[in-house]
Amino acid sequence: MRLVMNEPVGRMDRPYARRWWALLVLCLSLLIIVMANTALTVAAPDMTRDLGLSSADLQWVIDGYTVPYAALMLLLGAIGDKYSRRGALVLGLVVFGGGAVSGYLADSAATVIAARAVMGVGAALIMPATLSLLAATFPRAERAKAITLWTATAGLAIAAGPLVAGALLQNHGWSSTFLINVPIAAVALVAALVLVPPSRAAHHDRIDYVGGALSVVWVGSLVYMIIEGPHFGWGAKAVTAAVVAGAGLVLFFLWELRHPRPVLDVRRFAHRRFAGSNLAVALFFLSVFGAFYYLTQHLQFVLGYDALQTGVRMLPLAGAVFVGSALTGYLTPRIGMRITVTAGMVGGTAALALLTRIDSTSTYDDLVLPLVILGLAIGLALSPCTDAIMGAFPESELGVGGAVNDTSLELGGSLGIAILGSVLADSYSSHLKDATAGHGLPPGALSTAQDSVGAGYAVAQGIGDKARQLAEQAAHAQNARQAGQLKAQADQLAHGARQMADAVGASFADAVAHTSLVGAVILAVGTVLVGVLLPRKGAPAAAREENEERELVAAGNR
């Protein structure tokens, strides 16, 4: 047996014998690039304290990964198709691992942001390569099952990130959440060479670099706008990014429509099955990433769980994803993609609707059912959508197909954090102002507390610390009168600290409920749109679209 797998699947006279081991490598590669984002949400408080990060610094530490990741996927997916999909995976793992080492060594906001950006470039190479190699390695009859496991891995990574980060933070600093990626990337790199067959398009013309560059411009500008506008205000940077994104998108579509071999044939979006699948992926990750963003904060700040405990309490979501994925493998061939995907989106809407019941008296038990339903919904809806998106591309464009799926996912996630995060911040700020009215809180303290739930509890803790200092002074006072005055002030401040903490917790819980309602409405409207777009099983329109897709695939293979 050769140490390095050099025989392409296309030259084999039977299905590749170790294809399921190859899938394990692809899923492991997917796992670390999704975990790189979700783990950081747990490590962020320690990083903020150690590096003295401002809120803007922290935002760009998180999103410095997202901008290159989303912007580069389409172009890098096309390059992988032409030259080597496995080469793109291996190079991506090297770049990702190098960025992780840099993050471990970073000692300032700028160096952490730079390290995260490098990791984002690596992720942009890895993500489309995993899907394109999966599609190239598995025969069509087994591809849906393989994609189901790939999707389940993405769901597992959402919950596993906080769990792994929480375990590391028990005995190590925040930098350990970067370093843990290095051995995993190294194992995946070696295993890719040993187990994953090489793959590239049998026939691929010159890459449409102009179209690829335009995709980088409009996607990158759009993601930058999504991050900058809601968090830092609609100033010159956000407005400029919006203009560039709009102009870039128009130019991209016009160029791709005229180009004989476009990097992405945008005419595919006229097909209901393809358009509906991309819309479903984007909307689902809008709701999932948005909900994940505020639920982890609620668990840590309001319910008081540490990082590890928070990760453990997100596990019902991961387990339910696997169950939902198993169900979709059974249901989709029998009742059709439209019913399965729509049922998943209805389930996601129901999960968000259940979260509208959250209030100041809610416990973790009130979150378990919504988490389970949301996980089941992810499993039901995403696998058939990903399979439909990949099935719309010929063999020569599998990397582009993976990039389209992953770009929809990433844009949806960015929009979810931006839109629902903005709603959450505004709702929390408004509720806290009302809850503290008449408490005599200094305006500066209120403004600080309104910045975030963590800042709110920090203000309450500061008041409590002041109360303890006065109580200690009272205990050592020289006369009874002075001691009595100091003790009265300490008691008043201690009561104020408790009131402030209660107001922060109640305000954030109310904001979670309000934000969940907004998310449920968005997903409900999206469910109707997706239900209309996706053709029903056996419908003439569906058959026509499948024939058109097969003709496109055949044309691409020629």
Protein backbone atom coordinates (compact mmCIF):
# COMPACT_ATOMS: atom_id res chain seq x y z
CA MET A 1 0.00 0.00 0.00
CA ARG A 2 1.36 3.43 -0.96
CA LEU A 3 1.94 5.93 1.80
CA VAL A 4 0.53 8.79 -0.29
CA MET A 5 -2.71 8.24 -2.23
CA ASN A 6 -1.97 9.31 -5.83
CA GLU A 7 -4.64 7.54 -7.89
CA PRO A 8 -7.66 9.73 -8.77
CA VAL A 9 -11.10 8.19 -8.28
CA GLY A 10 -11.86 8.68 -11.98
CA ARG A 11 -9.21 6.11 -12.91
CA MET A 12 -10.59 3.43 -10.56
CA ASP A 13 -12.81 0.67 -11.94
CA ARG A 14 -14.88 0.55 -8.75
CA PRO A 15 -15.79 2.93 -5.89
CA TYR A 16 -12.81 3.99 -3.80
CA ALA A 17 -12.50 1.42 -1.00
CA ARG A 18 -11.41 3.89 1.71
CA ARG A 19 -13.88 6.62 0.84
CA TRP A 20 -15.50 6.62 4.29
CA TRP A 21 -12.08 7.11 5.90
CA ALA A 22 -11.53 9.95 3.45
CA LEU A 23 -14.85 11.45 4.57
CA LEU A 24 -13.61 11.33 8.17
CA VAL A 25 -10.62 13.45 7.14
CA LEU A 26 -12.87 15.95 5.34
CA CYS A 27 -15.18 16.18 8.36
CA LEU A 28 -12.22 16.68 10.70
CA SER A 29 -11.03 19.55 8.49
CA LEU A 30 -14.52 21.06 8.54
CA LEU A 31 -14.74 20.63 12.31
CA ILE A 32 -11.75 22.82 13.15
CA ILE A 33 -12.68 25.72 10.87
CA VAL A 34 -16.21 25.95 12.32
CA MET A 35 -14.94 25.47 15.88
CA ALA A 36 -12.45 28.31 15.35
CA ASN A 37 -15.38 30.74 15.42
CA THR A 38 -17.64 29.19 18.05
CA ALA A 39 -14.78 28.55 20.51
CA LEU A 40 -13.79 32.21 20.43
CA THR A 41 -17.13 33.33 21.85
CA VAL A 42 -16.23 31.51 25.07
CA ALA A 43 -12.60 32.66 25.16
CA ALA A 44 -13.46 36.30 24.42
CA PRO A 45 -13.90 37.50 28.05
CA ASP A 46 -10.43 36.25 29.08
CA MET A 47 -8.86 37.66 25.92
CA THR A 48 -10.53 41.03 26.50
CA ARG A 49 -9.19 41.21 30.04
CA ASP A 50 -5.63 40.08 29.25
CA LEU A 51 -5.13 42.23 26.13
CA GLY A 52 -7.25 45.19 27.22
CA LEU A 53 -9.42 44.95 24.12
CA SER A 54 -12.01 47.61 23.38
CA SER A 55 -15.43 46.53 22.11
CA ALA A 56 -14.31 47.45 18.58
CA ASP A 57 -11.12 45.40 18.97
CA LEU A 58 -13.07 42.37 20.15
CA GLN A 59 -15.53 42.67 17.30
CA TRP A 60 -12.73 42.62 14.75
CA VAL A 61 -10.95 39.77 16.54
CA ILE A 62 -14.10 37.75 15.89
CA ASP A 63 -14.86 39.06 12.41
CA GLY A 64 -11.29 39.34 11.14
CA TYR A 65 -11.75 35.65 10.38
CA THR A 66 -15.08 36.09 8.62
CA VAL A 67 -14.21 38.70 5.97
CA PRO A 68 -11.43 36.80 4.10
CA TYR A 69 -13.22 33.50 4.71
CA ALA A 70 -16.41 34.60 2.98
CA ALA A 71 -14.80 36.78 0.30
CA LEU A 72 -12.22 34.33 -1.04
CA MET A 73 -14.15 31.05 -1.17
CA LEU A 74 -15.55 31.34 -4.69
CA LEU A 75 -12.24 32.27 -6.35
CA LEU A 76 -10.23 29.71 -4.35
CA GLY A 77 -12.83 27.04 -5.07
CA ALA A 78 -12.39 27.66 -8.83
CA ILE A 79 -8.60 27.54 -8.48
CA GLY A 80 -8.89 24.24 -6.61
CA ASP A 81 -11.06 22.82 -9.41
CA LYS A 82 -8.46 23.67 -12.03
CA TYR A 83 -5.25 22.71 -10.26
CA SER A 84 -5.91 20.42 -7.28
CA ARG A 85 -8.76 20.13 -4.78
CA ARG A 86 -6.66 18.06 -2.41
CA GLY A 87 -3.83 20.55 -2.88
CA ALA A 88 -6.22 23.34 -1.84
CA LEU A 89 -7.19 21.34 1.26
CA VAL A 90 -3.57 20.66 2.23
CA LEU A 91 -2.48 24.27 1.61
CA GLY A 92 -5.49 25.50 3.56
CA LEU A 93 -4.58 23.31 6.54
CA VAL A 94 -1.00 24.66 6.46
CA VAL A 95 -2.18 28.29 6.31
CA PHE A 96 -4.85 27.69 8.97
CA GLY A 97 -2.34 25.99 11.28
CA GLY A 98 0.17 28.81 10.75
CA GLY A 99 -2.47 31.38 11.63
CA ALA A 100 -3.35 29.40 14.77
CA VAL A 101 0.31 29.40 15.90
CA SER A 102 0.43 33.17 15.31
CA GLY A 103 -2.73 33.58 17.39
CA TYR A 104 -1.18 31.58 20.22
CA LEU A 105 1.87 33.87 20.20
CA ALA A 106 -0.10 37.12 19.76
CA ASP A 107 0.18 39.74 22.49
CA SER A 108 -1.91 42.63 21.15
CA ALA A 109 -5.22 43.32 19.43
CA ALA A 110 -3.53 43.92 16.07
CA THR A 111 -1.59 40.64 16.10
CA VAL A 112 -4.63 38.61 17.15
CA ILE A 113 -6.74 40.18 14.38
CA ALA A 114 -3.97 39.48 11.84
CA ALA A 115 -3.73 35.87 13.00
CA ARG A 116 -7.49 35.43 12.71
CA ALA A 117 -7.39 36.89 9.17
CA VAL A 118 -4.72 34.34 8.16
CA MET A 119 -6.88 31.57 9.61
CA GLY A 120 -9.78 32.94 7.55
CA VAL A 121 -7.72 32.61 4.36
CA GLY A 122 -6.93 29.01 5.30
CA ALA A 123 -10.60 28.32 5.98
CA ALA A 124 -11.52 29.76 2.56
CA LEU A 125 -9.26 27.13 0.99
CA ILE A 126 -10.46 24.27 3.21
CA MET A 127 -14.24 24.72 3.22
CA PRO A 128 -15.05 24.41 -0.51
CA ALA A 129 -12.34 21.74 -0.88
CA THR A 130 -14.07 19.48 1.65
CA LEU A 131 -17.35 19.50 -0.27
CA SER A 132 -15.77 19.21 -3.72
CA LEU A 133 -13.57 16.29 -2.63
CA LEU A 134 -16.58 14.62 -1.04
CA ALA A 135 -18.57 14.93 -4.27
CA ALA A 136 -15.63 13.72 -6.36
CA THR A 137 -14.83 10.75 -4.09
CA PHE A 138 -18.31 9.30 -3.54
CA PRO A 139 -20.53 7.76 -6.22
CA ARG A 140 -23.76 9.68 -6.78
CA ALA A 141 -25.83 7.00 -5.01
CA GLU A 142 -23.89 7.53 -1.76
CA ARG A 143 -23.31 11.27 -1.97
CA ALA A 144 -26.46 12.29 -0.09
CA LYS A 145 -25.49 10.06 2.85
CA ALA A 146 -21.96 11.49 2.87
CA ILE A 147 -23.29 15.07 2.75
CA THR A 148 -25.61 14.22 5.64
CA LEU A 149 -22.59 13.29 7.77
CA TRP A 150 -20.76 16.43 6.59
CA THR A 151 -23.72 18.59 7.65
CA ALA A 152 -23.98 16.80 10.99
CA THR A 153 -20.30 17.58 11.59
CA ALA A 154 -20.98 21.28 11.05
CA GLY A 155 -23.76 21.10 13.64
CA LEU A 156 -21.49 19.24 16.06
CA ALA A 157 -18.79 21.89 15.63
CA ILE A 158 -21.20 24.67 16.63
CA ALA A 159 -21.64 23.06 20.04
CA ALA A 160 -18.18 21.47 20.34
CA GLY A 161 -16.36 24.82 20.05
CA PRO A 162 -17.55 26.19 23.41
CA LEU A 163 -17.12 22.75 25.03
CA VAL A 164 -13.47 22.39 23.95
CA ALA A 165 -12.69 26.03 24.73
CA GLY A 166 -14.34 25.74 28.12
CA ALA A 167 -12.32 22.64 28.99
CA LEU A 168 -9.08 24.35 27.99
CA LEU A 169 -9.86 27.53 29.90
CA GLN A 170 -10.20 25.57 33.14
CA ASN A 171 -6.40 25.28 33.38
CA HIS A 172 -4.98 27.31 30.49
CA GLY A 173 -5.20 30.80 29.04
CA TRP A 174 -7.24 31.98 26.06
CA SER A 175 -4.28 31.38 23.71
CA SER A 176 -4.73 27.63 24.18
CA THR A 177 -7.91 27.85 22.09
CA PHE A 178 -5.66 28.79 19.15
CA LEU A 179 -2.99 26.19 19.81
CA ILE A 180 -5.44 23.26 19.97
CA ASN A 181 -6.06 23.73 16.24
CA VAL A 182 -2.43 22.99 15.34
CA PRO A 183 -2.20 19.24 16.13
CA ILE A 184 -5.66 18.65 14.65
CA ALA A 185 -4.67 20.45 11.43
CA ALA A 186 -1.43 18.44 11.32
CA VAL A 187 -3.29 15.13 11.68
CA ALA A 188 -5.82 16.17 9.02
CA LEU A 189 -3.01 17.21 6.66
CA VAL A 190 -1.17 13.86 6.90
CA ALA A 191 -4.42 11.90 6.71
CA ALA A 192 -5.48 13.87 3.61
CA LEU A 193 -2.35 12.80 1.78
CA VAL A 194 -2.77 9.17 2.84
CA LEU A 195 -6.54 8.71 2.54
CA VAL A 196 -8.03 11.38 0.25
CA PRO A 197 -7.59 10.74 -3.50
CA PRO A 198 -6.28 13.64 -5.59
CA SER A 199 -8.92 15.39 -7.63
CA ARG A 200 -9.22 18.15 -10.17
CA ALA A 201 -11.49 18.91 -13.10
CA ALA A 202 -10.85 16.63 -16.09
CA HIS A 203 -11.43 19.59 -18.40
CA HIS A 204 -11.20 23.14 -17.12
CA ASP A 205 -10.63 26.22 -19.22
CA ARG A 206 -8.76 29.33 -18.13
CA ILE A 207 -10.08 30.69 -14.85
CA ASP A 208 -12.31 33.75 -15.01
CA TYR A 209 -10.08 35.85 -12.74
CA VAL A 210 -12.04 39.05 -13.40
CA GLY A 211 -15.25 37.42 -12.21
CA GLY A 212 -13.37 35.92 -9.26
CA ALA A 213 -11.93 39.31 -8.31
CA LEU A 214 -15.38 40.92 -8.54
CA SER A 215 -16.77 38.20 -6.25
CA VAL A 216 -14.03 38.98 -3.72
CA VAL A 217 -14.90 42.69 -3.89
CA TRP A 218 -18.66 42.43 -3.50
CA VAL A 219 -18.75 39.61 -0.94
CA GLY A 220 -15.92 41.13 1.12
CA SER A 221 -17.53 44.59 1.05
CA LEU A 222 -20.93 43.16 1.94
CA VAL A 223 -19.58 41.26 4.94
CA TYR A 224 -17.59 44.32 6.04
CA MET A 225 -20.76 46.43 5.82
CA ILE A 226 -22.74 43.83 7.78
CA ILE A 227 -20.12 43.98 10.54
CA GLU A 228 -19.35 47.70 10.54
CA GLY A 229 -22.83 49.24 10.21
CA PRO A 230 -24.79 47.61 13.06
CA HIS A 231 -21.89 47.58 15.53
CA PHE A 232 -20.11 50.87 14.88
CA GLY A 233 -22.75 53.02 13.20
CA TRP A 234 -23.58 53.89 9.60
CA GLY A 235 -20.72 56.25 9.06
CA ALA A 236 -18.52 56.77 6.01
CA LYS A 237 -16.89 53.29 6.24
CA ALA A 238 -20.14 51.36 6.36
CA VAL A 239 -21.82 53.46 3.65
CA THR A 240 -18.78 53.19 1.36
CA ALA A 241 -18.72 49.42 1.87
CA ALA A 242 -22.44 49.25 1.01
CA VAL A 243 -21.92 51.21 -2.22
CA VAL A 244 -18.92 49.08 -3.21
CA ALA A 245 -20.83 45.87 -2.44
CA GLY A 246 -23.84 46.96 -4.53
CA ALA A 247 -21.75 48.11 -7.47
CA GLY A 248 -19.55 45.03 -7.27
CA LEU A 249 -22.55 42.70 -7.27
CA VAL A 250 -24.07 44.37 -10.35
CA LEU A 251 -20.75 44.27 -12.21
CA PHE A 252 -20.24 40.64 -11.17
CA PHE A 253 -23.63 39.59 -12.57
CA LEU A 254 -23.15 41.55 -15.82
CA TRP A 255 -19.66 40.13 -16.34
CA GLU A 256 -20.68 36.56 -15.57
CA LEU A 257 -23.67 36.74 -17.93
CA ARG A 258 -21.39 37.80 -20.80
CA HIS A 259 -18.38 35.59 -20.08
CA PRO A 260 -18.24 32.29 -22.06
CA ARG A 261 -16.75 30.41 -19.09
CA PRO A 262 -17.80 32.34 -15.96
CA VAL A 263 -16.39 31.53 -12.53
CA LEU A 264 -20.05 31.09 -11.54
CA ASP A 265 -22.92 30.69 -14.00
CA VAL A 266 -25.39 33.04 -12.32
CA ARG A 267 -28.20 31.70 -14.52
CA ARG A 268 -28.41 28.82 -12.07
CA PHE A 269 -30.18 31.14 -9.64
CA ALA A 270 -33.13 31.19 -12.04
CA HIS A 271 -33.71 27.52 -11.17
CA ARG A 272 -36.13 27.24 -8.27
CA ARG A 273 -34.44 24.21 -6.69
CA PHE A 274 -31.02 25.88 -6.67
CA ALA A 275 -32.25 29.31 -5.55
CA GLY A 276 -34.50 27.83 -2.84
CA SER A 277 -31.70 25.67 -1.49
CA ASN A 278 -29.29 28.61 -1.20
CA LEU A 279 -31.96 30.75 0.43
CA ALA A 280 -32.72 28.00 2.95
CA VAL A 281 -29.03 27.60 3.87
CA ALA A 282 -28.58 31.35 4.33
CA LEU A 283 -31.74 31.78 6.42
CA PHE A 284 -31.00 28.79 8.59
CA PHE A 285 -27.54 29.98 9.50
CA LEU A 286 -28.90 33.48 10.02
CA SER A 287 -31.14 32.09 12.75
CA VAL A 288 -28.66 29.53 14.13
CA PHE A 289 -25.64 31.85 14.42
CA GLY A 290 -27.82 34.66 15.72
CA ALA A 291 -29.39 32.43 18.38
CA PHE A 292 -26.02 30.95 19.29
CA TYR A 293 -24.63 34.47 19.71
CA TYR A 294 -27.12 35.48 22.39
CA LEU A 295 -27.75 32.08 24.03
CA THR A 296 -24.07 31.63 24.95
CA GLN A 297 -24.12 35.08 26.55
CA HIS A 298 -27.33 34.24 28.41
CA LEU A 299 -25.86 31.01 29.74
CA GLN A 300 -22.62 32.64 30.87
CA PHE A 301 -23.72 36.01 32.18
CA VAL A 302 -27.34 35.62 33.28
CA LEU A 303 -27.40 31.97 34.38
CA GLY A 304 -23.83 32.12 35.66
CA TYR A 305 -22.28 29.08 33.98
CA ASP A 306 -18.56 29.02 33.33
CA ALA A 307 -17.06 28.33 29.91
CA LEU A 308 -17.01 24.53 30.25
CA GLN A 309 -20.51 24.36 31.71
CA THR A 310 -21.77 26.52 28.84
CA GLY A 311 -20.24 24.16 26.29
CA VAL A 312 -21.79 21.12 27.96
CA ARG A 313 -25.21 22.76 27.92
CA MET A 314 -25.02 23.31 24.17
CA LEU A 315 -24.60 19.56 23.53
CA PRO A 316 -28.35 18.85 23.08
CA LEU A 317 -28.13 20.97 19.92
CA ALA A 318 -25.28 18.84 18.53
CA GLY A 319 -26.96 15.54 19.39
CA ALA A 320 -30.22 16.64 17.79
CA VAL A 321 -28.39 17.60 14.57
CA PHE A 322 -27.23 14.00 14.20
CA VAL A 323 -30.76 12.69 14.77
CA GLY A 324 -32.22 15.18 12.29
CA SER A 325 -29.58 14.26 9.72
CA ALA A 326 -30.43 10.56 10.09
CA LEU A 327 -34.11 11.38 9.62
CA THR A 328 -33.52 13.39 6.46
CA GLY A 329 -31.63 10.48 4.91
CA TYR A 330 -34.75 8.37 5.42
CA LEU A 331 -37.43 10.97 4.67
CA THR A 332 -36.12 12.92 1.67
CA PRO A 333 -36.20 10.01 -0.83
CA ARG A 334 -39.73 9.15 0.29
CA ILE A 335 -41.54 12.45 0.70
CA GLY A 336 -39.32 14.79 -1.31
CA MET A 337 -36.92 17.60 -0.59
CA ARG A 338 -39.56 20.32 -0.44
CA ILE A 339 -41.47 18.77 2.49
CA THR A 340 -38.31 17.81 4.39
CA VAL A 341 -36.67 21.23 4.08
CA THR A 342 -39.89 23.11 4.82
CA ALA A 343 -40.51 20.94 7.88
CA GLY A 344 -37.00 21.72 9.09
CA MET A 345 -37.54 25.44 8.64
CA VAL A 346 -40.89 25.26 10.44
CA GLY A 347 -39.08 23.49 13.27
CA GLY A 348 -36.43 26.21 13.38
CA THR A 349 -39.15 28.86 13.53
CA ALA A 350 -40.86 26.97 16.36
CA ALA A 351 -37.58 26.75 18.31
CA LEU A 352 -37.08 30.52 18.09
CA ALA A 353 -40.72 31.08 19.02
CA LEU A 354 -40.21 28.99 22.18
CA LEU A 355 -37.31 31.24 23.14
CA THR A 356 -39.70 34.21 23.29
CA ARG A 357 -40.87 32.81 26.64
CA ILE A 358 -37.48 33.53 28.27
CA ASP A 359 -37.64 35.94 31.21
CA SER A 360 -35.74 36.73 34.41
CA THR A 361 -37.06 33.58 36.14
CA SER A 362 -36.09 31.18 33.33
CA THR A 363 -33.56 28.42 33.94
CA TYR A 364 -31.52 26.17 31.65
CA ASP A 365 -34.44 23.72 31.59
CA ASP A 366 -36.38 26.31 29.57
CA LEU A 367 -33.66 26.25 26.89
CA VAL A 368 -33.35 22.49 26.40
CA LEU A 369 -36.44 21.97 24.24
CA PRO A 370 -35.69 24.90 21.87
CA LEU A 371 -32.09 23.66 21.49
CA VAL A 372 -33.24 20.14 20.65
CA ILE A 373 -35.84 21.35 18.14
CA LEU A 374 -33.31 23.70 16.53
CA GLY A 375 -30.81 20.86 16.18
CA LEU A 376 -33.41 18.56 14.62
CA ALA A 377 -34.36 21.35 12.23
CA ILE A 378 -30.75 21.88 11.13
CA GLY A 379 -30.34 18.19 10.40
CA LEU A 380 -33.60 17.99 8.47
CA ALA A 381 -33.13 21.02 6.25
CA LEU A 382 -29.46 21.51 5.48
CA SER A 383 -28.36 18.13 4.12
CA PRO A 384 -30.85 18.01 1.22
CA CYS A 385 -30.14 21.67 0.41
CA THR A 386 -26.39 21.07 0.26
CA ASP A 387 -26.94 17.96 -1.86
CA ALA A 388 -29.15 19.95 -4.26
CA ILE A 389 -26.59 22.76 -4.56
CA MET A 390 -23.71 20.37 -5.24
CA GLY A 391 -25.84 18.39 -7.69
CA ALA A 392 -26.38 21.51 -9.80
CA PHE A 393 -22.68 21.70 -10.73
CA PRO A 394 -20.73 19.61 -13.23
CA GLU A 395 -17.62 17.67 -12.23
CA SER A 396 -15.42 20.51 -13.45
CA GLU A 397 -17.01 22.98 -11.00
CA LEU A 398 -17.39 21.00 -7.78
CA GLY A 399 -15.12 23.43 -5.92
CA VAL A 400 -17.26 26.34 -7.09
CA GLY A 401 -20.38 24.44 -6.00
CA GLY A 402 -18.92 23.93 -2.53
CA ALA A 403 -17.96 27.61 -2.41
CA VAL A 404 -21.51 28.71 -3.34
CA ASN A 405 -22.98 26.56 -0.57
CA ASP A 406 -20.43 27.78 1.96
CA THR A 407 -20.78 31.44 0.94
CA SER A 408 -24.54 31.21 1.49
CA LEU A 409 -23.82 29.67 4.89
CA GLU A 410 -21.28 32.32 5.86
CA LEU A 411 -23.34 35.29 4.60
CA GLY A 412 -26.33 33.94 6.52
CA GLY A 413 -24.28 33.56 9.70
CA SER A 414 -22.82 37.06 9.37
CA LEU A 415 -26.26 38.54 8.78
CA GLY A 416 -27.62 36.62 11.77
CA ILE A 417 -25.03 38.00 14.17
CA ALA A 418 -25.34 41.50 12.68
CA ILE A 419 -29.15 41.73 12.51
CA LEU A 420 -30.09 39.76 15.61
CA GLY A 421 -27.06 41.08 17.49
CA SER A 422 -28.13 44.64 16.72
CA VAL A 423 -31.72 43.93 17.78
CA LEU A 424 -30.41 42.33 20.98
CA ALA A 425 -28.17 45.31 21.82
CA ASP A 426 -30.92 47.89 21.20
CA SER A 427 -33.50 45.88 23.14
CA TYR A 428 -31.16 45.29 26.09
CA SER A 429 -30.17 48.96 26.23
CA SER A 430 -33.80 50.10 26.15
CA HIS A 431 -34.96 47.58 28.77
CA LEU A 432 -32.06 48.44 31.09
CA LYS A 433 -32.81 52.15 30.90
CA ASP A 434 -36.42 51.49 31.90
CA ALA A 435 -35.44 49.00 34.62
CA THR A 436 -32.99 51.40 36.30
CA ALA A 437 -35.18 54.50 36.09
CA GLY A 438 -35.40 56.10 39.55
CA HIS A 439 -32.42 54.14 40.95
CA GLY A 440 -30.20 57.21 41.01
CA LEU A 441 -27.59 55.54 38.81
CA PRO A 442 -25.00 58.02 37.45
CA PRO A 443 -25.49 58.65 33.68
CA GLY A 444 -21.95 57.50 32.94
CA ALA A 445 -22.51 54.21 34.76
CA LEU A 446 -25.78 53.61 32.94
CA SER A 447 -24.15 54.32 29.58
CA THR A 448 -21.39 51.83 30.37
CA ALA A 449 -23.86 49.19 31.52
CA GLN A 450 -25.91 49.59 28.34
CA ASP A 451 -22.91 48.64 26.18
CA SER A 452 -23.29 44.89 26.84
CA VAL A 453 -24.57 42.42 29.41
CA GLY A 454 -20.99 41.82 30.54
CA ALA A 455 -20.46 45.55 31.05
CA GLY A 456 -23.75 45.73 32.96
CA TYR A 457 -22.67 43.08 35.44
CA ALA A 458 -19.26 44.78 35.71
CA VAL A 459 -21.00 48.02 36.76
CA ALA A 460 -23.05 46.09 39.34
CA GLN A 461 -19.87 44.43 40.61
CA GLY A 462 -18.16 47.82 40.85
CA ILE A 463 -21.00 49.14 43.01
CA GLY A 464 -20.78 46.02 45.17
CA ASP A 465 -17.01 46.44 45.56
CA LYS A 466 -17.56 50.03 46.70
CA ALA A 467 -20.11 48.79 49.22
CA ARG A 468 -17.63 46.27 50.65
CA GLN A 469 -14.94 48.94 50.94
CA LEU A 470 -17.31 51.18 52.94
CA ALA A 471 -18.30 48.24 55.13
CA GLU A 472 -14.63 47.58 55.93
CA GLN A 473 -14.12 51.26 56.73
CA ALA A 474 -17.13 51.14 59.03
CA ALA A 475 -15.65 48.17 60.87
CA HIS A 476 -12.47 50.14 61.56
CA ALA A 477 -14.09 53.53 62.21
CA GLN A 478 -12.94 55.45 65.32
CA ASN A 479 -16.43 56.37 66.59
CA ALA A 480 -19.89 54.86 66.44
CA ARG A 481 -21.46 57.76 64.54
CA GLN A 482 -18.99 57.55 61.69
CA ALA A 483 -19.31 53.75 61.65
CA GLY A 484 -23.08 54.02 61.45
CA GLN A 485 -22.95 56.46 58.55
CA LEU A 486 -20.48 54.30 56.63
CA LYS A 487 -22.50 51.15 57.29
CA ALA A 488 -25.69 52.85 56.09
CA GLN A 489 -23.95 53.95 52.88
CA ALA A 490 -22.53 50.44 52.42
CA ASP A 491 -25.96 48.85 52.87
CA GLN A 492 -27.48 51.30 50.39
CA LEU A 493 -24.79 50.57 47.81
CA ALA A 494 -25.06 46.81 48.37
CA HIS A 495 -28.80 47.04 47.79
CA GLY A 496 -28.14 49.13 44.68
CA ALA A 497 -25.65 46.53 43.40
CA ARG A 498 -28.24 43.76 43.81
CA GLN A 499 -30.85 45.90 42.07
CA MET A 500 -28.43 46.65 39.24
CA ALA A 501 -27.52 42.98 38.78
CA ASP A 502 -31.20 42.01 38.79
CA ALA A 503 -31.99 44.76 36.27
CA VAL A 504 -29.17 43.64 33.96
CA GLY A 505 -30.26 39.99 34.07
CA ALA A 506 -33.93 40.80 33.54
CA SER A 507 -33.17 43.27 30.74
CA PHE A 508 -30.99 40.78 28.88
CA ALA A 509 -33.56 38.00 29.30
CA ASP A 510 -36.25 40.30 27.90
CA ALA A 511 -33.90 41.22 25.04
CA VAL A 512 -33.36 37.50 24.28
CA ALA A 513 -37.12 37.00 24.09
CA HIS A 514 -37.60 40.04 21.84
CA THR A 515 -34.70 39.10 19.56
CA SER A 516 -35.99 35.53 19.27
CA LEU A 517 -39.34 36.90 18.13
CA VAL A 518 -37.62 38.91 15.39
CA GLY A 519 -35.62 35.85 14.36
CA ALA A 520 -38.75 33.70 14.29
CA VAL A 521 -40.56 36.20 12.06
CA ILE A 522 -37.60 36.35 9.63
CA LEU A 523 -37.36 32.56 9.45
CA ALA A 524 -41.13 32.18 9.10
CA VAL A 525 -41.21 34.53 6.11
CA GLY A 526 -38.21 32.71 4.67
CA THR A 527 -39.98 29.37 5.15
CA VAL A 528 -42.86 30.55 3.00
CA LEU A 529 -40.46 31.77 0.29
CA VAL A 530 -38.48 28.53 0.29
CA GLY A 531 -41.67 26.47 0.25
CA VAL A 532 -42.80 28.37 -2.86
CA LEU A 533 -39.41 28.13 -4.58
CA LEU A 534 -38.67 24.45 -4.05
CA PRO A 535 -40.54 22.26 -6.54
CA ARG A 536 -42.69 19.51 -5.09
CA LYS A 537 -41.73 15.90 -5.56
CA GLY A 538 -42.77 14.57 -8.95
CA ALA A 539 -43.94 17.95 -10.22
CA PRO A 540 -43.42 18.63 -13.93
CA ALA A 541 -41.48 21.78 -13.08
CA ALA A 542 -39.17 19.78 -10.86
CA ALA A 543 -38.56 17.26 -13.61
CA ARG A 544 -37.82 20.03 -16.10
CA GLU A 545 -35.38 21.69 -13.72
CA GLU A 546 -33.62 18.39 -13.00
CA ASN A 547 -33.27 17.82 -16.76
CA GLU A 548 -31.86 21.34 -17.17
CA GLU A 549 -29.41 20.73 -14.35
CA ARG A 550 -28.32 17.43 -15.91
CA GLU A 551 -27.77 19.21 -19.23
CA LEU A 552 -25.64 21.85 -17.47
CA VAL A 553 -23.64 19.11 -15.76
CA ALA A 554 -23.15 17.26 -19.03
CA ALA A 555 -22.11 20.44 -20.79
CA GLY A 556 -19.61 21.17 -18.04
CA ASN A 557 -18.15 17.66 -18.28
CA ARG A 558 -17.71 18.06 -22.02
